[in-house]
Amino acid sequence: MNSSFVQSNKILICSILVILIIGSFTLLAYNNQNTALQNSVKQGMESTVSVMATQISPKDLAGIKPGDEGSEHYKAIVQKLRTMRSMDDALLNAYILKVNPDQTVTFLVDDLYLQDPQGSAKIGEVSTAPKMDILLALSGPTTSKQPYTTKYGSFMTAYAPIDDNVLDSTGNTYAVLAIDVPATDYNDYTSRGGWILLTGLVSMILAIGAIFLFGRSTTKKDE
């Protein structure tokens, strides 16, 4: 068998192995980087919504019913939410949800009401956000597993219970506070591992180039 043919096959096999090995490690590093960023963002959102929830008392929400959007009572809660949200420029919206006995989830307060009365959620409107994430928030802070889309847009959301006892949850959750960030912002921030992919690609090119050069020099010696 022609020695140059054998050498070419060896170079091809080595190149494939290099691509598989470097590619696998590159993808692993990329996924780990993005997972770490996602966890960091989610933890930050949970911390923020938890603090905000302690500032809302069930007494503030008592008696709110559909049609109360124009009342001073409702506007006062809206303003309170807007004030807290304004402390974090990344937040797009803050609102309060009620989990009903039949486990439907409805809006109680939407802090966009003063800014956009027609485009904000009305009292009693059913939420179409992933329900399980909201139900989990009845017992503690959580975030949506991934960005989701409703008629209002695409978001990543954090939730926290509004309890009777803000110092130590007694399980008497009256409502759930939610805060949104735009899904595009979340995706942009948690997909910053592009340099890892670039480094992996460059490493592949250099390694394959070195294999070819070594292979050619070996072939010339054999000749």
N, C-alpha and C. Protein backbone atom coordinates (compact mmCIF):
# COMPACT_ATOMS: atom_id res chain seq x y z
N MET A 1 0.85 -1.20 0.00
CA MET A 1 0.00 0.00 0.00
C MET A 1 0.88 1.24 0.00
N ASN A 2 0.50 2.20 -0.81
CA ASN A 2 1.27 3.43 -0.94
C ASN A 2 1.41 4.12 0.42
N SER A 3 2.67 4.43 0.79
CA SER A 3 2.91 5.03 2.10
C SER A 3 2.28 6.40 2.24
N SER A 4 2.23 7.17 1.13
CA SER A 4 1.62 8.50 1.18
C SER A 4 0.13 8.40 1.43
N PHE A 5 -0.48 7.32 0.88
CA PHE A 5 -1.92 7.10 1.10
C PHE A 5 -2.19 6.79 2.58
N VAL A 6 -1.35 5.94 3.15
CA VAL A 6 -1.48 5.60 4.57
C VAL A 6 -1.29 6.84 5.43
N GLN A 7 -0.30 7.64 5.07
CA GLN A 7 -0.02 8.85 5.83
C GLN A 7 -1.20 9.82 5.76
N SER A 8 -1.80 9.92 4.57
CA SER A 8 -2.97 10.80 4.40
C SER A 8 -4.13 10.35 5.28
N ASN A 9 -4.32 9.04 5.34
CA ASN A 9 -5.40 8.51 6.20
C ASN A 9 -5.14 8.81 7.67
N LYS A 10 -3.88 8.70 8.07
CA LYS A 10 -3.53 9.00 9.46
C LYS A 10 -3.81 10.47 9.78
N ILE A 11 -3.44 11.34 8.82
CA ILE A 11 -3.69 12.77 9.03
C ILE A 11 -5.17 13.05 9.14
N LEU A 12 -5.97 12.40 8.26
CA LEU A 12 -7.43 12.60 8.27
C LEU A 12 -8.03 12.14 9.59
N ILE A 13 -7.60 10.96 10.05
CA ILE A 13 -8.13 10.42 11.32
C ILE A 13 -7.76 11.32 12.49
N CYS A 14 -6.51 11.76 12.51
CA CYS A 14 -6.06 12.65 13.59
C CYS A 14 -6.85 13.96 13.58
N SER A 15 -7.11 14.47 12.38
CA SER A 15 -7.85 15.73 12.27
C SER A 15 -9.27 15.57 12.80
N ILE A 16 -9.90 14.45 12.45
CA ILE A 16 -11.26 14.19 12.93
C ILE A 16 -11.28 14.08 14.45
N LEU A 17 -10.28 13.38 15.01
CA LEU A 17 -10.20 13.24 16.47
C LEU A 17 -10.01 14.60 17.14
N VAL A 18 -9.17 15.43 16.56
CA VAL A 18 -8.95 16.77 17.11
C VAL A 18 -10.24 17.58 17.10
N ILE A 19 -10.98 17.53 15.98
CA ILE A 19 -12.24 18.26 15.88
C ILE A 19 -13.23 17.78 16.94
N LEU A 20 -13.31 16.45 17.10
CA LEU A 20 -14.26 15.89 18.08
C LEU A 20 -13.88 16.27 19.51
N ILE A 21 -12.60 16.16 19.82
CA ILE A 21 -12.15 16.43 21.20
C ILE A 21 -12.27 17.92 21.54
N ILE A 22 -11.70 18.77 20.67
CA ILE A 22 -11.75 20.21 20.95
C ILE A 22 -13.19 20.70 20.89
N GLY A 23 -13.96 20.20 19.91
CA GLY A 23 -15.36 20.62 19.78
C GLY A 23 -16.17 20.26 21.02
N SER A 24 -15.94 19.05 21.55
CA SER A 24 -16.68 18.60 22.74
C SER A 24 -16.36 19.47 23.95
N PHE A 25 -15.06 19.74 24.16
CA PHE A 25 -14.66 20.57 25.30
C PHE A 25 -15.14 22.01 25.13
N THR A 26 -15.14 22.50 23.89
CA THR A 26 -15.60 23.87 23.63
C THR A 26 -17.09 24.00 23.95
N LEU A 27 -17.89 23.05 23.47
CA LEU A 27 -19.33 23.10 23.73
C LEU A 27 -19.63 22.95 25.22
N LEU A 28 -18.86 22.09 25.89
CA LEU A 28 -19.05 21.92 27.34
C LEU A 28 -18.76 23.22 28.07
N ALA A 29 -17.66 23.87 27.72
CA ALA A 29 -17.31 25.14 28.37
C ALA A 29 -18.34 26.22 28.06
N TYR A 30 -18.81 26.24 26.82
CA TYR A 30 -19.82 27.23 26.41
C TYR A 30 -21.12 27.04 27.21
N ASN A 31 -21.57 25.80 27.30
CA ASN A 31 -22.80 25.51 28.04
C ASN A 31 -22.65 25.82 29.52
N ASN A 32 -21.49 25.49 30.09
CA ASN A 32 -21.26 25.77 31.51
C ASN A 32 -21.25 27.27 31.77
N GLN A 33 -20.63 28.02 30.85
CA GLN A 33 -20.58 29.48 31.00
C GLN A 33 -21.98 30.07 30.97
N ASN A 34 -22.80 29.63 30.00
CA ASN A 34 -24.15 30.17 29.88
C ASN A 34 -25.02 29.76 31.07
N THR A 35 -24.84 28.53 31.54
CA THR A 35 -25.60 28.07 32.71
C THR A 35 -25.26 28.92 33.93
N ALA A 36 -23.98 29.23 34.10
CA ALA A 36 -23.56 30.06 35.23
C ALA A 36 -24.17 31.46 35.12
N LEU A 37 -24.18 32.02 33.93
CA LEU A 37 -24.77 33.34 33.73
C LEU A 37 -26.27 33.32 34.00
N GLN A 38 -26.95 32.29 33.53
CA GLN A 38 -28.39 32.16 33.76
C GLN A 38 -28.69 32.07 35.25
N ASN A 39 -27.92 31.25 35.96
CA ASN A 39 -28.14 31.11 37.41
C ASN A 39 -27.89 32.43 38.13
N SER A 40 -26.88 33.16 37.68
CA SER A 40 -26.57 34.45 38.31
C SER A 40 -27.72 35.44 38.12
N VAL A 41 -28.25 35.52 36.90
CA VAL A 41 -29.36 36.43 36.62
C VAL A 41 -30.60 36.03 37.43
N LYS A 42 -30.89 34.74 37.45
CA LYS A 42 -32.08 34.27 38.17
C LYS A 42 -31.97 34.56 39.67
N GLN A 43 -30.79 34.32 40.23
CA GLN A 43 -30.59 34.59 41.65
C GLN A 43 -30.75 36.07 41.96
N GLY A 44 -30.21 36.91 41.07
CA GLY A 44 -30.35 38.35 41.26
C GLY A 44 -31.81 38.79 41.20
N MET A 45 -32.55 38.25 40.25
CA MET A 45 -33.97 38.59 40.13
C MET A 45 -34.76 38.11 41.34
N GLU A 46 -34.45 36.91 41.81
CA GLU A 46 -35.15 36.37 42.98
C GLU A 46 -34.87 37.24 44.21
N SER A 47 -33.63 37.67 44.36
CA SER A 47 -33.28 38.52 45.49
C SER A 47 -34.06 39.84 45.43
N THR A 48 -34.13 40.43 44.23
CA THR A 48 -34.82 41.70 44.07
C THR A 48 -36.31 41.56 44.36
N VAL A 49 -36.94 40.56 43.80
CA VAL A 49 -38.39 40.41 43.97
C VAL A 49 -38.73 40.05 45.42
N SER A 50 -37.82 39.33 46.09
CA SER A 50 -38.06 38.98 47.50
C SER A 50 -38.11 40.22 48.38
N VAL A 51 -37.14 41.12 48.15
CA VAL A 51 -37.10 42.36 48.93
C VAL A 51 -38.34 43.19 48.64
N MET A 52 -38.71 43.30 47.38
CA MET A 52 -39.89 44.09 47.01
C MET A 52 -41.15 43.53 47.64
N ALA A 53 -41.26 42.20 47.69
CA ALA A 53 -42.47 41.57 48.23
C ALA A 53 -42.66 41.89 49.71
N THR A 54 -41.55 42.09 50.44
CA THR A 54 -41.69 42.40 51.86
C THR A 54 -42.29 43.78 52.10
N GLN A 55 -42.30 44.61 51.05
CA GLN A 55 -42.83 45.97 51.19
C GLN A 55 -44.32 46.06 50.86
N ILE A 56 -44.90 44.93 50.46
CA ILE A 56 -46.33 44.89 50.14
C ILE A 56 -47.07 44.09 51.20
N SER A 57 -48.06 44.70 51.81
CA SER A 57 -48.87 44.02 52.83
C SER A 57 -50.18 43.53 52.23
N PRO A 58 -50.64 42.36 52.63
CA PRO A 58 -51.96 41.91 52.18
C PRO A 58 -53.04 42.94 52.47
N LYS A 59 -52.85 43.73 53.52
CA LYS A 59 -53.84 44.76 53.85
C LYS A 59 -53.94 45.80 52.72
N ASP A 60 -52.80 46.02 52.03
CA ASP A 60 -52.81 46.97 50.91
C ASP A 60 -53.69 46.47 49.78
N LEU A 61 -53.82 45.15 49.68
CA LEU A 61 -54.53 44.56 48.55
C LEU A 61 -55.96 44.17 48.87
N ALA A 62 -56.31 44.24 50.13
CA ALA A 62 -57.65 43.80 50.55
C ALA A 62 -58.73 44.65 49.86
N GLY A 63 -59.74 43.96 49.38
CA GLY A 63 -60.90 44.66 48.82
C GLY A 63 -60.77 45.08 47.37
N ILE A 64 -59.61 44.85 46.75
CA ILE A 64 -59.47 45.22 45.34
C ILE A 64 -60.33 44.30 44.48
N LYS A 65 -61.12 44.88 43.60
CA LYS A 65 -62.02 44.10 42.74
C LYS A 65 -62.02 44.69 41.34
N PRO A 66 -62.43 43.89 40.34
CA PRO A 66 -62.47 44.39 38.96
C PRO A 66 -63.21 45.72 38.86
N GLY A 67 -62.63 46.65 38.13
CA GLY A 67 -63.23 47.96 37.97
C GLY A 67 -62.62 49.02 38.87
N ASP A 68 -61.75 48.59 39.80
CA ASP A 68 -61.15 49.54 40.75
C ASP A 68 -59.91 50.24 40.21
N GLU A 69 -59.58 50.03 38.94
CA GLU A 69 -58.35 50.60 38.40
C GLU A 69 -58.25 52.12 38.58
N GLY A 70 -59.37 52.79 38.56
CA GLY A 70 -59.34 54.25 38.68
C GLY A 70 -59.38 54.76 40.10
N SER A 71 -59.47 53.87 41.08
CA SER A 71 -59.57 54.30 42.47
C SER A 71 -58.23 54.78 43.00
N GLU A 72 -58.28 55.65 44.01
CA GLU A 72 -57.05 56.16 44.62
C GLU A 72 -56.29 55.04 45.32
N HIS A 73 -57.03 54.09 45.89
CA HIS A 73 -56.42 52.95 46.55
C HIS A 73 -55.55 52.17 45.57
N TYR A 74 -56.10 51.87 44.41
CA TYR A 74 -55.37 51.11 43.39
C TYR A 74 -54.17 51.90 42.89
N LYS A 75 -54.37 53.17 42.61
CA LYS A 75 -53.30 54.01 42.10
C LYS A 75 -52.13 54.11 43.09
N ALA A 76 -52.46 54.09 44.38
CA ALA A 76 -51.41 54.18 45.40
C ALA A 76 -50.52 52.94 45.36
N ILE A 77 -51.13 51.77 45.16
CA ILE A 77 -50.35 50.53 45.08
C ILE A 77 -49.51 50.53 43.81
N VAL A 78 -50.10 50.98 42.71
CA VAL A 78 -49.37 51.08 41.45
C VAL A 78 -48.14 51.96 41.62
N GLN A 79 -48.32 53.09 42.26
CA GLN A 79 -47.21 54.02 42.45
C GLN A 79 -46.13 53.41 43.33
N LYS A 80 -46.54 52.64 44.31
CA LYS A 80 -45.57 51.99 45.20
C LYS A 80 -44.72 50.99 44.42
N LEU A 81 -45.37 50.22 43.56
CA LEU A 81 -44.65 49.26 42.73
C LEU A 81 -43.70 49.97 41.76
N ARG A 82 -44.19 51.06 41.17
CA ARG A 82 -43.37 51.80 40.20
C ARG A 82 -42.14 52.40 40.88
N THR A 83 -42.31 52.88 42.09
CA THR A 83 -41.19 53.47 42.83
C THR A 83 -40.12 52.42 43.09
N MET A 84 -40.54 51.23 43.51
CA MET A 84 -39.57 50.16 43.77
C MET A 84 -38.92 49.70 42.48
N ARG A 85 -39.70 49.56 41.43
CA ARG A 85 -39.15 49.10 40.15
C ARG A 85 -38.14 50.08 39.57
N SER A 86 -38.37 51.36 39.81
CA SER A 86 -37.50 52.40 39.23
C SER A 86 -36.08 52.32 39.78
N MET A 87 -35.89 51.57 40.86
CA MET A 87 -34.55 51.44 41.44
C MET A 87 -33.68 50.46 40.66
N ASP A 88 -34.28 49.75 39.71
CA ASP A 88 -33.52 48.80 38.89
C ASP A 88 -33.91 49.02 37.43
N ASP A 89 -33.02 49.62 36.66
CA ASP A 89 -33.33 49.96 35.27
C ASP A 89 -33.59 48.75 34.40
N ALA A 90 -33.17 47.58 34.83
CA ALA A 90 -33.35 46.37 34.01
C ALA A 90 -34.80 45.88 34.03
N LEU A 91 -35.55 46.30 35.05
CA LEU A 91 -36.93 45.80 35.19
C LEU A 91 -37.88 46.54 34.26
N LEU A 92 -38.73 45.76 33.62
CA LEU A 92 -39.68 46.31 32.66
C LEU A 92 -41.06 46.51 33.27
N ASN A 93 -41.40 45.66 34.24
CA ASN A 93 -42.76 45.66 34.77
C ASN A 93 -42.76 45.00 36.14
N ALA A 94 -43.66 45.44 37.00
CA ALA A 94 -43.89 44.79 38.29
C ALA A 94 -45.40 44.68 38.47
N TYR A 95 -45.87 43.55 38.94
CA TYR A 95 -47.31 43.36 39.08
C TYR A 95 -47.61 42.30 40.13
N ILE A 96 -48.84 42.27 40.56
CA ILE A 96 -49.24 41.35 41.62
C ILE A 96 -50.31 40.41 41.08
N LEU A 97 -50.13 39.13 41.38
CA LEU A 97 -51.02 38.09 40.91
C LEU A 97 -51.74 37.42 42.08
N LYS A 98 -52.93 36.94 41.81
CA LYS A 98 -53.71 36.22 42.82
C LYS A 98 -53.95 34.80 42.33
N VAL A 99 -53.59 33.81 43.16
CA VAL A 99 -53.89 32.42 42.83
C VAL A 99 -55.21 32.07 43.50
N ASN A 100 -56.20 31.78 42.71
CA ASN A 100 -57.54 31.52 43.20
C ASN A 100 -57.70 30.08 43.65
N PRO A 101 -58.76 29.77 44.41
CA PRO A 101 -58.97 28.40 44.90
C PRO A 101 -58.99 27.35 43.79
N ASP A 102 -59.45 27.72 42.59
CA ASP A 102 -59.45 26.76 41.48
C ASP A 102 -58.12 26.74 40.74
N GLN A 103 -57.12 27.43 41.31
CA GLN A 103 -55.75 27.51 40.80
C GLN A 103 -55.63 28.30 39.49
N THR A 104 -56.65 29.05 39.14
CA THR A 104 -56.45 30.03 38.07
C THR A 104 -55.66 31.19 38.65
N VAL A 105 -54.90 31.84 37.81
CA VAL A 105 -54.06 32.96 38.25
C VAL A 105 -54.56 34.23 37.57
N THR A 106 -54.90 35.22 38.38
CA THR A 106 -55.44 36.47 37.83
C THR A 106 -54.63 37.67 38.33
N PHE A 107 -54.67 38.74 37.57
CA PHE A 107 -53.97 39.96 37.94
C PHE A 107 -54.73 40.72 39.03
N LEU A 108 -53.97 41.25 39.98
CA LEU A 108 -54.54 42.15 40.99
C LEU A 108 -54.11 43.59 40.73
N VAL A 109 -52.81 43.77 40.45
CA VAL A 109 -52.27 45.11 40.22
C VAL A 109 -51.21 45.02 39.11
N ASP A 110 -51.26 45.96 38.19
CA ASP A 110 -50.24 46.07 37.15
C ASP A 110 -49.66 47.48 37.22
N ASP A 111 -48.36 47.57 37.46
CA ASP A 111 -47.79 48.91 37.68
C ASP A 111 -47.65 49.73 36.40
N LEU A 112 -48.03 49.16 35.27
CA LEU A 112 -48.03 49.93 34.02
C LEU A 112 -49.34 50.69 33.80
N TYR A 113 -50.27 50.55 34.75
CA TYR A 113 -51.59 51.15 34.54
C TYR A 113 -51.52 52.67 34.35
N LEU A 114 -50.77 53.35 35.20
CA LEU A 114 -50.71 54.81 35.11
C LEU A 114 -50.04 55.25 33.81
N GLN A 115 -49.09 54.45 33.35
CA GLN A 115 -48.35 54.77 32.13
C GLN A 115 -49.14 54.39 30.88
N ASP A 116 -49.83 53.26 30.93
CA ASP A 116 -50.55 52.75 29.75
C ASP A 116 -51.82 52.03 30.20
N PRO A 117 -52.87 52.77 30.51
CA PRO A 117 -54.12 52.16 31.00
C PRO A 117 -54.71 51.12 30.06
N GLN A 118 -54.60 51.35 28.76
CA GLN A 118 -55.19 50.43 27.80
C GLN A 118 -54.32 49.18 27.57
N GLY A 119 -53.03 49.35 27.70
CA GLY A 119 -52.13 48.24 27.43
C GLY A 119 -51.73 47.43 28.64
N SER A 120 -52.21 47.81 29.81
CA SER A 120 -51.87 47.09 31.03
C SER A 120 -52.93 46.03 31.35
N ALA A 121 -52.55 45.08 32.19
CA ALA A 121 -53.49 44.02 32.57
C ALA A 121 -54.54 44.57 33.54
N LYS A 122 -55.76 44.15 33.35
CA LYS A 122 -56.87 44.61 34.20
C LYS A 122 -57.04 43.70 35.41
N ILE A 123 -57.64 44.23 36.44
CA ILE A 123 -57.92 43.44 37.64
C ILE A 123 -58.83 42.28 37.27
N GLY A 124 -58.43 41.08 37.64
CA GLY A 124 -59.23 39.89 37.35
C GLY A 124 -58.89 39.22 36.03
N GLU A 125 -58.03 39.85 35.23
CA GLU A 125 -57.62 39.23 33.96
C GLU A 125 -56.79 37.99 34.24
N VAL A 126 -57.04 36.92 33.51
CA VAL A 126 -56.32 35.67 33.72
C VAL A 126 -54.92 35.76 33.11
N SER A 127 -53.93 35.39 33.90
CA SER A 127 -52.54 35.39 33.42
C SER A 127 -52.31 34.16 32.54
N THR A 128 -51.58 34.36 31.45
CA THR A 128 -51.23 33.24 30.56
C THR A 128 -49.76 32.87 30.68
N ALA A 129 -49.09 33.40 31.68
CA ALA A 129 -47.70 33.00 31.94
C ALA A 129 -47.71 31.55 32.43
N PRO A 130 -46.58 30.83 32.29
CA PRO A 130 -46.53 29.44 32.77
C PRO A 130 -46.99 29.33 34.22
N LYS A 131 -48.07 28.58 34.42
CA LYS A 131 -48.72 28.55 35.73
C LYS A 131 -47.86 27.88 36.81
N MET A 132 -47.14 26.83 36.44
CA MET A 132 -46.39 26.09 37.45
C MET A 132 -45.36 26.97 38.14
N ASP A 133 -44.72 27.87 37.39
CA ASP A 133 -43.73 28.77 38.01
C ASP A 133 -44.38 29.65 39.06
N ILE A 134 -45.61 30.09 38.78
CA ILE A 134 -46.34 30.95 39.72
C ILE A 134 -46.77 30.16 40.94
N LEU A 135 -47.23 28.94 40.73
CA LEU A 135 -47.67 28.11 41.86
C LEU A 135 -46.49 27.80 42.78
N LEU A 136 -45.31 27.58 42.21
CA LEU A 136 -44.13 27.33 43.03
C LEU A 136 -43.79 28.53 43.90
N ALA A 137 -44.12 29.73 43.41
CA ALA A 137 -43.81 30.95 44.14
C ALA A 137 -44.70 31.13 45.37
N LEU A 138 -45.71 30.32 45.53
CA LEU A 138 -46.55 30.41 46.72
C LEU A 138 -45.76 30.05 47.98
N SER A 139 -44.70 29.26 47.80
CA SER A 139 -43.92 28.84 48.97
C SER A 139 -42.53 29.44 49.02
N GLY A 140 -42.16 30.24 48.00
CA GLY A 140 -40.84 30.87 48.03
C GLY A 140 -40.49 31.49 46.70
N PRO A 141 -39.47 32.34 46.69
CA PRO A 141 -39.06 33.02 45.45
C PRO A 141 -38.65 32.02 44.37
N THR A 142 -38.98 32.33 43.15
CA THR A 142 -38.60 31.48 42.03
C THR A 142 -38.56 32.33 40.77
N THR A 143 -38.11 31.73 39.68
CA THR A 143 -38.13 32.40 38.39
C THR A 143 -38.75 31.46 37.36
N SER A 144 -39.18 32.03 36.26
CA SER A 144 -39.64 31.19 35.17
C SER A 144 -38.45 30.37 34.68
N LYS A 145 -38.70 29.15 34.25
CA LYS A 145 -37.62 28.26 33.85
C LYS A 145 -36.88 28.81 32.64
N GLN A 146 -37.59 29.48 31.78
CA GLN A 146 -37.01 30.06 30.59
C GLN A 146 -37.92 31.19 30.11
N PRO A 147 -37.44 32.04 29.22
CA PRO A 147 -38.30 33.11 28.72
C PRO A 147 -39.57 32.55 28.07
N TYR A 148 -40.64 33.29 28.16
CA TYR A 148 -41.93 32.86 27.61
C TYR A 148 -42.60 34.07 26.96
N THR A 149 -43.68 33.80 26.24
CA THR A 149 -44.36 34.86 25.49
C THR A 149 -45.85 34.88 25.81
N THR A 150 -46.38 36.07 26.03
CA THR A 150 -47.82 36.29 26.18
C THR A 150 -48.21 37.40 25.19
N LYS A 151 -49.45 37.82 25.25
CA LYS A 151 -49.88 38.89 24.35
C LYS A 151 -49.19 40.22 24.66
N TYR A 152 -48.60 40.32 25.84
CA TYR A 152 -47.91 41.56 26.22
C TYR A 152 -46.45 41.58 25.78
N GLY A 153 -45.91 40.44 25.34
CA GLY A 153 -44.52 40.39 24.91
C GLY A 153 -43.82 39.15 25.43
N SER A 154 -42.49 39.14 25.32
CA SER A 154 -41.68 38.00 25.77
C SER A 154 -40.83 38.43 26.96
N PHE A 155 -40.85 37.61 28.01
CA PHE A 155 -40.24 38.02 29.28
C PHE A 155 -39.53 36.87 29.98
N MET A 156 -38.67 37.27 30.90
CA MET A 156 -38.15 36.38 31.94
C MET A 156 -38.66 36.97 33.24
N THR A 157 -39.25 36.15 34.09
CA THR A 157 -39.97 36.67 35.26
C THR A 157 -39.49 36.03 36.55
N ALA A 158 -39.44 36.83 37.60
CA ALA A 158 -39.17 36.32 38.95
C ALA A 158 -40.41 36.56 39.80
N TYR A 159 -40.67 35.63 40.72
CA TYR A 159 -41.86 35.70 41.57
C TYR A 159 -41.48 35.55 43.04
N ALA A 160 -42.27 36.16 43.91
CA ALA A 160 -42.08 35.98 45.36
C ALA A 160 -43.44 36.09 46.05
N PRO A 161 -43.64 35.31 47.10
CA PRO A 161 -44.92 35.37 47.81
C PRO A 161 -45.08 36.63 48.64
N ILE A 162 -46.28 37.13 48.67
CA ILE A 162 -46.64 38.23 49.57
C ILE A 162 -47.36 37.57 50.74
N ASP A 163 -46.66 37.49 51.88
CA ASP A 163 -47.15 36.74 53.03
C ASP A 163 -47.74 37.63 54.11
N ASP A 164 -48.53 36.99 54.99
CA ASP A 164 -49.08 37.69 56.16
C ASP A 164 -47.94 38.14 57.07
N ASN A 165 -46.90 37.32 57.16
CA ASN A 165 -45.76 37.62 58.01
C ASN A 165 -44.53 37.78 57.13
N VAL A 166 -44.08 39.00 56.92
CA VAL A 166 -42.98 39.24 55.99
C VAL A 166 -41.63 38.81 56.55
N LEU A 167 -41.53 38.64 57.86
CA LEU A 167 -40.26 38.27 58.46
C LEU A 167 -40.00 36.78 58.39
N ASP A 168 -41.04 35.98 58.42
CA ASP A 168 -40.87 34.53 58.41
C ASP A 168 -42.14 33.92 57.83
N SER A 169 -42.05 33.44 56.59
CA SER A 169 -43.25 32.96 55.91
C SER A 169 -43.98 31.91 56.74
N THR A 170 -45.25 32.15 56.95
CA THR A 170 -46.08 31.22 57.72
C THR A 170 -46.86 30.30 56.80
N GLY A 171 -46.68 30.45 55.52
CA GLY A 171 -47.47 29.66 54.57
C GLY A 171 -48.76 30.35 54.18
N ASN A 172 -49.07 31.49 54.84
CA ASN A 172 -50.29 32.22 54.53
C ASN A 172 -50.01 33.23 53.41
N THR A 173 -49.81 32.72 52.22
CA THR A 173 -49.51 33.57 51.08
C THR A 173 -50.79 34.17 50.53
N TYR A 174 -50.83 35.49 50.51
CA TYR A 174 -52.04 36.18 50.04
C TYR A 174 -52.00 36.38 48.52
N ALA A 175 -50.82 36.69 47.99
CA ALA A 175 -50.67 36.96 46.56
C ALA A 175 -49.21 36.74 46.17
N VAL A 176 -48.92 36.93 44.90
CA VAL A 176 -47.56 36.73 44.39
C VAL A 176 -47.13 37.99 43.64
N LEU A 177 -45.96 38.49 44.00
CA LEU A 177 -45.39 39.63 43.29
C LEU A 177 -44.53 39.12 42.15
N ALA A 178 -44.62 39.76 40.99
CA ALA A 178 -43.83 39.35 39.82
C ALA A 178 -43.10 40.55 39.25
N ILE A 179 -41.89 40.32 38.76
CA ILE A 179 -41.14 41.36 38.06
C ILE A 179 -40.65 40.77 36.73
N ASP A 180 -40.69 41.58 35.68
CA ASP A 180 -40.29 41.13 34.35
C ASP A 180 -39.03 41.84 33.88
N VAL A 181 -38.21 41.09 33.14
CA VAL A 181 -37.17 41.71 32.31
C VAL A 181 -37.44 41.23 30.89
N PRO A 182 -37.10 42.04 29.88
CA PRO A 182 -37.33 41.61 28.50
C PRO A 182 -36.57 40.33 28.19
N ALA A 183 -37.20 39.43 27.46
CA ALA A 183 -36.54 38.17 27.10
C ALA A 183 -35.28 38.43 26.29
N THR A 184 -35.29 39.46 25.44
CA THR A 184 -34.11 39.77 24.62
C THR A 184 -32.92 40.17 25.50
N ASP A 185 -33.20 40.95 26.55
CA ASP A 185 -32.12 41.36 27.46
C ASP A 185 -31.54 40.15 28.18
N TYR A 186 -32.44 39.27 28.64
CA TYR A 186 -32.00 38.06 29.35
C TYR A 186 -31.15 37.19 28.43
N ASN A 187 -31.63 36.98 27.21
CA ASN A 187 -30.90 36.12 26.27
C ASN A 187 -29.55 36.72 25.91
N ASP A 188 -29.52 38.04 25.71
CA ASP A 188 -28.27 38.71 25.35
C ASP A 188 -27.24 38.57 26.48
N TYR A 189 -27.68 38.75 27.71
CA TYR A 189 -26.76 38.71 28.84
C TYR A 189 -26.25 37.30 29.11
N THR A 190 -27.12 36.30 28.90
CA THR A 190 -26.75 34.93 29.25
C THR A 190 -26.16 34.16 28.07
N SER A 191 -25.85 34.84 27.00
CA SER A 191 -25.24 34.19 25.83
C SER A 191 -23.95 34.90 25.46
N ARG A 192 -23.13 35.14 26.47
CA ARG A 192 -21.89 35.88 26.26
C ARG A 192 -20.67 34.98 26.14
N GLY A 193 -20.90 33.73 25.82
CA GLY A 193 -19.77 32.81 25.71
C GLY A 193 -19.23 32.70 24.31
N GLY A 194 -19.52 33.69 23.44
CA GLY A 194 -19.06 33.62 22.07
C GLY A 194 -17.55 33.50 21.95
N TRP A 195 -16.82 34.13 22.88
CA TRP A 195 -15.35 34.06 22.85
C TRP A 195 -14.88 32.63 23.06
N ILE A 196 -15.67 31.83 23.79
CA ILE A 196 -15.29 30.42 24.00
C ILE A 196 -15.37 29.66 22.67
N LEU A 197 -16.46 29.91 21.91
CA LEU A 197 -16.61 29.25 20.61
C LEU A 197 -15.50 29.69 19.66
N LEU A 198 -15.16 30.97 19.69
CA LEU A 198 -14.09 31.48 18.83
C LEU A 198 -12.75 30.85 19.18
N THR A 199 -12.49 30.77 20.50
CA THR A 199 -11.24 30.16 20.95
C THR A 199 -11.16 28.69 20.52
N GLY A 200 -12.29 27.99 20.63
CA GLY A 200 -12.33 26.59 20.22
C GLY A 200 -12.08 26.44 18.73
N LEU A 201 -12.67 27.32 17.92
CA LEU A 201 -12.49 27.26 16.48
C LEU A 201 -11.03 27.52 16.10
N VAL A 202 -10.45 28.54 16.72
CA VAL A 202 -9.04 28.86 16.45
C VAL A 202 -8.14 27.69 16.85
N SER A 203 -8.46 27.08 17.99
CA SER A 203 -7.66 25.94 18.46
C SER A 203 -7.73 24.78 17.47
N MET A 204 -8.92 24.54 16.92
CA MET A 204 -9.08 23.48 15.92
C MET A 204 -8.22 23.76 14.70
N ILE A 205 -8.29 24.99 14.21
CA ILE A 205 -7.54 25.36 13.00
C ILE A 205 -6.04 25.19 13.23
N LEU A 206 -5.55 25.67 14.38
CA LEU A 206 -4.12 25.56 14.67
C LEU A 206 -3.69 24.10 14.83
N ALA A 207 -4.52 23.33 15.52
CA ALA A 207 -4.16 21.92 15.75
C ALA A 207 -4.15 21.14 14.44
N ILE A 208 -5.17 21.35 13.61
CA ILE A 208 -5.23 20.64 12.32
C ILE A 208 -4.09 21.08 11.41
N GLY A 209 -3.81 22.39 11.45
CA GLY A 209 -2.67 22.88 10.66
C GLY A 209 -1.38 22.23 11.09
N ALA A 210 -1.18 22.09 12.38
CA ALA A 210 0.05 21.46 12.90
C ALA A 210 0.13 20.00 12.48
N ILE A 211 -1.04 19.32 12.47
CA ILE A 211 -1.07 17.91 12.05
C ILE A 211 -0.67 17.77 10.59
N PHE A 212 -1.21 18.64 9.75
CA PHE A 212 -0.89 18.58 8.33
C PHE A 212 0.60 18.87 8.07
N LEU A 213 1.11 19.88 8.77
CA LEU A 213 2.53 20.22 8.58
C LEU A 213 3.43 19.07 9.03
N PHE A 214 3.09 18.48 10.18
CA PHE A 214 3.87 17.35 10.69
C PHE A 214 3.77 16.17 9.74
N GLY A 215 2.55 15.96 9.22
CA GLY A 215 2.34 14.84 8.30
C GLY A 215 3.14 15.01 7.02
N ARG A 216 3.17 16.21 6.49
CA ARG A 216 3.91 16.47 5.26
C ARG A 216 5.41 16.29 5.46
N SER A 217 5.91 16.79 6.60
CA SER A 217 7.34 16.64 6.86
C SER A 217 7.71 15.18 7.05
N THR A 218 6.83 14.41 7.64
CA THR A 218 7.10 12.98 7.83
C THR A 218 7.10 12.25 6.49
N THR A 219 6.15 12.64 5.62
CA THR A 219 6.07 12.01 4.30
C THR A 219 7.33 12.27 3.49
N LYS A 220 7.84 13.51 3.55
CA LYS A 220 9.05 13.87 2.81
C LYS A 220 10.25 13.07 3.31
N LYS A 221 10.31 12.83 4.62
CA LYS A 221 11.43 12.05 5.16
C LYS A 221 11.38 10.61 4.66
N ASP A 222 10.12 10.08 4.60
CA ASP A 222 9.96 8.70 4.14
C ASP A 222 10.34 8.55 2.67
N GLU A 223 10.17 9.67 1.92
CA GLU A 223 10.53 9.61 0.50
C GLU A 223 12.04 9.62 0.36
